[in-house]
């Protein structure tokens, strides 16, 4: 973990670690077993189990390498330990309202944890960048692909 790397919550890091452990400890050994069995069946050039298994093993190895590199770069930040809870920083759940008083509740999370359907926006997303450091009552203008929009910070909550 780098002290200046991209942020991630402890839950997000645990999720990445669980995916890594599942691939390494469960999926890869099962594929290795299938490939070994298929290799013993003779002609490998027309053996679907062997060809698919080798392909899947390469995919798993690529994902394992990606996850290992990513986890080494990330910086785990515990949102509940945030000193300035009056402003929107990493891990904050922010309620914002637009000009028509349409409210949205967003949680500022690491880019590896973002999920728009759950209201989790990545730390480097345009809206998250605009909200960084905002206090309740602040107006923030965001440049989105559909145009410019202004939001008012209504509430800020930390876990």
Protein backbone atom coordinates (compact mmCIF):
# COMPACT_ATOMS: atom_id res chain seq x y z
CA UNK A 1 0.00 0.00 0.00
CA UNK A 2 1.38 3.33 -1.05
CA UNK A 3 0.80 6.37 1.16
CA UNK A 4 0.01 8.47 -1.92
CA UNK A 5 -1.86 5.89 -3.99
CA UNK A 6 -5.53 5.91 -4.99
CA UNK A 7 -7.85 5.60 -1.98
CA UNK A 8 -9.98 2.58 -1.13
CA UNK A 9 -12.11 1.76 1.90
CA UNK A 10 -11.28 -1.21 4.14
CA UNK A 11 -14.39 -3.00 2.79
CA UNK A 12 -13.29 -2.35 -0.79
CA UNK A 13 -9.83 -3.76 -0.12
CA UNK A 14 -11.37 -6.79 1.58
CA UNK A 15 -13.52 -7.35 -1.52
CA UNK A 16 -10.47 -7.21 -3.82
CA UNK A 17 -8.56 -9.55 -1.51
CA UNK A 18 -11.51 -11.99 -1.42
CA UNK A 19 -11.66 -12.03 -5.23
CA UNK A 20 -7.90 -12.66 -5.41
CA UNK A 21 -8.07 -15.46 -2.84
CA UNK A 22 -11.05 -17.08 -4.60
CA UNK A 23 -9.28 -17.07 -7.96
CA UNK A 24 -6.02 -18.37 -6.53
CA UNK A 25 -7.40 -20.89 -4.07
CA UNK A 26 -10.55 -22.17 -5.76
CA UNK A 27 -10.95 -21.38 -9.44
CA UNK A 28 -7.38 -21.82 -10.64
CA UNK A 29 -6.83 -25.22 -8.96
CA UNK A 30 -10.12 -26.49 -10.44
CA UNK A 31 -9.06 -25.41 -13.94
CA UNK A 32 -5.60 -26.94 -13.49
CA UNK A 33 -7.26 -30.23 -12.57
CA UNK A 34 -9.48 -30.12 -15.69
CA UNK A 35 -6.52 -29.27 -17.94
CA UNK A 36 -4.43 -32.09 -16.47
CA UNK A 37 -7.26 -34.57 -16.97
CA UNK A 38 -7.89 -33.34 -20.54
CA UNK A 39 -4.19 -33.47 -21.41
CA UNK A 40 -4.14 -37.15 -20.52
CA UNK A 41 -6.92 -37.88 -23.01
CA UNK A 42 -4.71 -37.74 -26.07
CA UNK A 43 -4.91 -35.29 -28.99
CA UNK A 44 -4.87 -31.80 -27.46
CA UNK A 45 -5.55 -29.92 -30.71
CA UNK A 46 -9.19 -31.05 -30.81
CA UNK A 47 -9.79 -31.44 -27.09
CA UNK A 48 -12.33 -28.76 -26.07
CA UNK A 49 -11.78 -29.23 -22.33
CA UNK A 50 -8.05 -28.77 -22.77
CA UNK A 51 -8.32 -25.73 -25.07
CA UNK A 52 -10.98 -24.00 -22.99
CA UNK A 53 -9.13 -24.81 -19.75
CA UNK A 54 -5.87 -23.33 -21.01
CA UNK A 55 -7.71 -20.21 -22.18
CA UNK A 56 -9.51 -19.83 -18.84
CA UNK A 57 -6.25 -20.37 -16.94
CA UNK A 58 -4.63 -17.51 -18.89
CA UNK A 59 -7.61 -15.26 -18.06
CA UNK A 60 -7.36 -16.13 -14.37
CA UNK A 61 -3.59 -15.50 -14.35
CA UNK A 62 -4.10 -12.10 -16.01
CA UNK A 63 -6.75 -11.13 -13.47
CA UNK A 64 -4.57 -12.31 -10.57
CA UNK A 65 -1.67 -10.20 -11.83
CA UNK A 66 -3.95 -7.18 -12.28
CA UNK A 67 -5.40 -7.55 -8.77
CA UNK A 68 -1.94 -7.96 -7.22
CA UNK A 69 -0.64 -4.82 -8.95
CA UNK A 70 -3.77 -2.86 -8.05
CA UNK A 71 -3.77 -3.87 -4.38
CA UNK A 72 -0.10 -2.90 -4.08
CA UNK A 73 -0.86 0.63 -5.31
CA UNK A 74 -3.99 1.32 -3.26
CA UNK A 75 -4.10 3.31 -0.02
CA UNK A 76 -6.64 2.07 2.54
CA UNK A 77 -8.52 4.91 4.22
CA UNK A 78 -11.02 4.36 7.01
CA UNK A 79 -13.81 6.93 6.52
CA UNK A 80 -14.89 6.69 10.17
CA UNK A 81 -11.46 8.05 11.20
CA UNK A 82 -11.91 11.26 9.17
CA UNK A 83 -10.88 14.24 11.31
CA UNK A 84 -12.94 16.91 9.47
CA UNK A 85 -16.45 15.44 9.38
CA UNK A 86 -18.00 18.80 8.45
CA UNK A 87 -16.68 18.53 4.90
CA UNK A 88 -17.07 15.97 2.14
CA UNK A 89 -13.97 13.80 1.96
CA UNK A 90 -13.31 10.18 1.08
CA UNK A 91 -15.98 7.85 2.45
CA UNK A 92 -18.56 10.56 3.10
CA UNK A 93 -22.19 10.00 2.21
CA UNK A 94 -23.32 13.30 0.74
CA UNK A 95 -26.88 14.41 0.02
CA UNK A 96 -27.03 16.95 -2.78
CA UNK A 97 -29.92 18.83 -4.38
CA UNK A 98 -30.14 20.44 -7.81
CA UNK A 99 -31.99 23.64 -8.84
CA UNK A 100 -35.32 21.76 -8.91
CA UNK A 101 -34.78 20.36 -5.38
CA UNK A 102 -34.22 16.85 -6.72
CA UNK A 103 -32.06 15.15 -4.11
CA UNK A 104 -29.40 12.48 -4.64
CA UNK A 105 -27.51 10.58 -1.98
CA UNK A 106 -23.95 9.67 -2.99
CA UNK A 107 -21.09 7.96 -1.20
CA UNK A 108 -17.55 8.94 -2.22
CA UNK A 109 -15.62 5.68 -2.61
CA UNK A 110 -12.50 4.42 -4.35
CA UNK A 111 -12.62 3.94 -8.11
CA UNK A 112 -12.40 0.16 -7.61
CA UNK A 113 -15.60 0.17 -5.52
CA UNK A 114 -17.82 2.47 -7.54
CA UNK A 115 -21.34 1.34 -8.34
CA UNK A 116 -23.73 3.99 -9.64
CA UNK A 117 -26.78 1.81 -9.00
CA UNK A 118 -25.94 1.85 -5.28
CA UNK A 119 -25.06 5.57 -5.23
CA UNK A 120 -21.33 4.91 -4.86
CA UNK A 121 -19.27 7.22 -7.05
CA UNK A 122 -15.55 6.84 -7.68
CA UNK A 123 -13.13 9.29 -6.10
CA UNK A 124 -11.91 10.51 -9.50
CA UNK A 125 -15.39 10.96 -11.05
CA UNK A 126 -16.26 14.55 -12.04
CA UNK A 127 -19.02 14.86 -9.42
CA UNK A 128 -16.80 13.44 -6.67
CA UNK A 129 -13.98 15.83 -7.61
CA UNK A 130 -16.43 18.75 -7.43
CA UNK A 131 -17.70 17.66 -4.01
CA UNK A 132 -14.28 17.21 -2.39
CA UNK A 133 -13.95 19.53 0.58
CA UNK A 134 -17.51 20.87 0.30
CA UNK A 135 -19.42 21.80 3.45
CA UNK A 136 -23.18 21.82 4.04
CA UNK A 137 -24.73 24.70 2.12
CA UNK A 138 -21.94 24.93 -0.47
CA UNK A 139 -22.86 25.14 -4.14
CA UNK A 140 -20.78 23.07 -6.53
CA UNK A 141 -20.83 23.32 -10.31
CA UNK A 142 -20.15 20.09 -12.19
CA UNK A 143 -19.21 19.74 -15.84
CA UNK A 144 -20.95 16.60 -17.06
CA UNK A 145 -21.15 15.15 -20.58
CA UNK A 146 -24.74 16.42 -20.80
CA UNK A 147 -23.75 19.94 -19.78
CA UNK A 148 -23.06 21.93 -16.68
CA UNK A 149 -25.12 21.41 -13.53
CA UNK A 150 -25.09 23.03 -10.10
CA UNK A 151 -25.67 21.09 -6.87
CA UNK A 152 -26.09 22.23 -3.28
CA UNK A 153 -24.68 20.10 -0.47
CA UNK A 154 -27.59 19.35 1.88
CA UNK A 155 -26.07 16.80 4.29
CA UNK A 156 -22.78 15.03 4.98
CA UNK A 157 -22.59 11.79 6.98
CA UNK A 158 -19.65 9.52 7.80
CA UNK A 159 -19.91 5.87 8.88
